N, C-alpha and C. Protein backbone atom coordinates (compact mmCIF):
# COMPACT_ATOMS: atom_id res chain seq x y z
N MET A 1 -26.88 1.76 5.67
CA MET A 1 -26.47 0.48 5.08
C MET A 1 -26.49 -0.49 6.14
N PRO A 2 -27.27 -1.66 5.72
CA PRO A 2 -27.29 -2.72 6.72
C PRO A 2 -25.80 -3.41 7.08
N GLN A 3 -25.68 -4.08 8.21
CA GLN A 3 -24.39 -4.60 8.53
C GLN A 3 -23.91 -5.61 7.72
N LYS A 4 -24.91 -6.39 6.95
CA LYS A 4 -24.57 -7.38 6.01
C LYS A 4 -23.72 -6.94 4.96
N ASP A 5 -24.36 -5.68 4.43
CA ASP A 5 -23.58 -5.01 3.40
C ASP A 5 -22.11 -4.34 3.68
N LEU A 6 -22.13 -3.88 4.99
CA LEU A 6 -20.76 -3.35 5.54
C LEU A 6 -19.92 -4.62 5.63
N ASP A 7 -20.31 -5.67 6.07
CA ASP A 7 -19.29 -6.90 6.16
C ASP A 7 -18.81 -7.20 4.74
N ARG A 8 -19.67 -7.37 3.77
CA ARG A 8 -19.20 -7.79 2.64
C ARG A 8 -18.33 -6.68 1.90
N LEU A 9 -18.50 -5.39 2.04
CA LEU A 9 -17.59 -4.32 1.68
C LEU A 9 -16.14 -4.44 2.41
N LYS A 10 -16.23 -4.75 3.67
CA LYS A 10 -14.99 -5.03 4.36
C LYS A 10 -14.22 -6.24 3.78
N ALA A 11 -14.91 -7.12 3.45
CA ALA A 11 -14.26 -8.39 2.76
C ALA A 11 -13.77 -8.08 1.55
N VAL A 12 -14.42 -7.21 0.76
CA VAL A 12 -13.91 -6.96 -0.74
C VAL A 12 -12.84 -6.23 -0.58
N GLU A 13 -12.81 -5.02 0.35
CA GLU A 13 -11.52 -4.21 0.66
C GLU A 13 -10.43 -5.02 1.02
N LEU A 14 -10.66 -5.97 2.05
CA LEU A 14 -9.50 -6.82 2.36
C LEU A 14 -8.94 -7.68 1.44
N ALA A 15 -9.85 -8.23 0.47
CA ALA A 15 -9.33 -9.08 -0.56
C ALA A 15 -8.50 -8.21 -1.62
N ALA A 16 -8.90 -6.89 -1.74
CA ALA A 16 -8.27 -6.06 -2.64
C ALA A 16 -6.66 -5.76 -2.16
N VAL A 17 -6.71 -5.64 -0.91
CA VAL A 17 -5.63 -5.11 -0.03
C VAL A 17 -4.55 -6.39 -0.20
N ARG A 18 -5.12 -7.54 0.04
CA ARG A 18 -4.10 -8.87 0.05
C ARG A 18 -3.80 -9.08 -1.63
N LYS A 19 -4.51 -8.71 -2.38
CA LYS A 19 -4.21 -9.17 -3.73
C LYS A 19 -2.89 -8.11 -4.13
N ALA A 20 -3.15 -6.91 -3.63
CA ALA A 20 -2.17 -5.84 -3.98
C ALA A 20 -0.97 -6.14 -3.22
N ALA A 21 -1.02 -6.75 -2.15
CA ALA A 21 0.30 -6.94 -1.22
C ALA A 21 0.89 -8.29 -1.84
N ASP A 22 0.19 -9.23 -2.53
CA ASP A 22 0.70 -10.40 -2.99
C ASP A 22 1.49 -9.96 -4.37
N SER A 23 0.69 -9.02 -5.21
CA SER A 23 1.40 -8.64 -6.43
C SER A 23 2.76 -7.77 -6.09
N LEU A 24 2.72 -6.97 -4.99
CA LEU A 24 3.72 -6.21 -4.66
C LEU A 24 4.84 -7.23 -4.15
N ALA A 25 4.67 -8.12 -3.44
CA ALA A 25 5.64 -9.09 -2.95
C ALA A 25 6.29 -9.92 -4.04
N HIS A 26 5.44 -10.10 -5.11
CA HIS A 26 6.07 -10.82 -6.30
C HIS A 26 7.00 -9.86 -7.18
N VAL A 27 6.52 -8.65 -7.22
CA VAL A 27 7.42 -7.75 -7.90
C VAL A 27 8.65 -7.43 -7.21
N SER A 28 8.73 -7.24 -5.92
CA SER A 28 9.72 -6.92 -5.21
C SER A 28 10.63 -8.17 -4.97
N HIS A 29 10.10 -9.37 -5.00
CA HIS A 29 10.89 -10.59 -4.98
C HIS A 29 11.62 -10.84 -6.33
N VAL A 30 11.12 -10.32 -7.55
CA VAL A 30 11.80 -10.56 -8.83
C VAL A 30 12.76 -9.62 -8.81
N ARG A 31 12.54 -8.34 -8.24
CA ARG A 31 13.65 -7.35 -8.32
C ARG A 31 14.51 -7.21 -7.17
N GLY A 32 14.32 -8.01 -6.08
CA GLY A 32 15.16 -8.24 -5.17
C GLY A 32 15.06 -6.81 -4.21
N VAL A 33 13.98 -6.34 -4.05
CA VAL A 33 13.63 -5.10 -3.29
C VAL A 33 12.90 -5.61 -1.97
N SER A 34 13.26 -5.04 -0.87
CA SER A 34 12.99 -5.48 0.39
C SER A 34 11.56 -5.04 0.65
N LEU A 35 10.74 -5.82 1.16
CA LEU A 35 9.25 -5.46 1.31
C LEU A 35 9.06 -4.62 2.79
N LYS A 36 10.18 -4.71 3.59
CA LYS A 36 9.96 -4.01 4.79
C LYS A 36 9.98 -2.58 4.62
N PHE A 37 10.69 -1.97 3.57
CA PHE A 37 10.46 -0.67 3.13
C PHE A 37 9.20 -0.14 2.93
N PHE A 38 8.45 -1.10 2.15
CA PHE A 38 7.08 -0.72 1.80
C PHE A 38 6.16 -0.76 2.91
N ALA A 39 6.45 -1.71 3.83
CA ALA A 39 5.61 -1.90 5.13
C ALA A 39 5.65 -0.75 6.04
N VAL A 40 6.83 -0.19 6.20
CA VAL A 40 7.13 0.95 7.16
C VAL A 40 6.73 2.34 6.61
N VAL A 41 6.88 2.50 5.15
CA VAL A 41 6.36 3.90 4.87
C VAL A 41 4.85 3.96 4.34
N PRO A 42 4.18 4.77 4.99
CA PRO A 42 2.80 4.83 4.60
C PRO A 42 2.42 5.40 3.29
N ILE A 43 1.29 5.14 2.74
CA ILE A 43 1.03 5.66 1.41
C ILE A 43 0.91 7.00 1.37
N GLY A 44 1.60 7.94 0.59
CA GLY A 44 1.40 9.21 0.56
C GLY A 44 2.83 9.89 1.16
N ALA A 45 3.54 9.04 1.95
CA ALA A 45 4.73 9.61 2.52
C ALA A 45 5.79 10.14 1.44
N SER A 46 5.83 9.37 0.37
CA SER A 46 6.64 9.65 -0.77
C SER A 46 6.37 10.96 -1.42
N LYS A 47 5.18 11.43 -1.44
CA LYS A 47 4.87 12.79 -1.96
C LYS A 47 5.21 13.94 -0.93
N LYS A 48 5.25 13.64 0.46
CA LYS A 48 5.59 14.62 1.40
C LYS A 48 7.18 14.75 1.27
N THR A 49 7.90 13.58 1.05
CA THR A 49 9.23 13.61 0.95
C THR A 49 9.70 14.33 -0.31
N GLU A 50 8.90 14.26 -1.42
CA GLU A 50 9.33 15.02 -2.60
C GLU A 50 9.18 16.38 -2.36
N SER A 51 8.01 16.87 -1.86
CA SER A 51 7.72 18.38 -1.61
C SER A 51 8.77 18.89 -0.84
N LYS A 52 9.35 18.22 0.27
CA LYS A 52 10.33 18.74 1.21
C LYS A 52 11.64 18.97 0.39
N THR A 53 12.09 17.96 -0.53
CA THR A 53 13.23 17.90 -1.24
C THR A 53 13.14 19.24 -2.28
N ASN A 54 11.94 19.26 -2.88
CA ASN A 54 11.81 20.47 -3.75
C ASN A 54 11.88 21.87 -2.96
N GLU A 55 11.48 21.88 -1.71
CA GLU A 55 11.69 23.11 -1.07
C GLU A 55 13.09 23.43 -0.77
N ARG A 56 13.77 22.54 -0.67
CA ARG A 56 15.38 22.58 -0.38
C ARG A 56 16.08 23.14 -1.52
N ASN A 57 15.58 22.60 -2.63
CA ASN A 57 16.32 22.93 -3.89
C ASN A 57 15.65 24.39 -4.20
């Protein structure tokens, strides 16, 4: 894939991430949830936590 296409793809992905972050910030602001929690916890961590919790039970 040419470098020009890779740069365009990166820009599109970055825009999508920013848009998601903006909508998440809006939702958390409305509900009063702290964004720090979302920034610290990587995607998929909640699934690992759930499986550990299920193993304990």
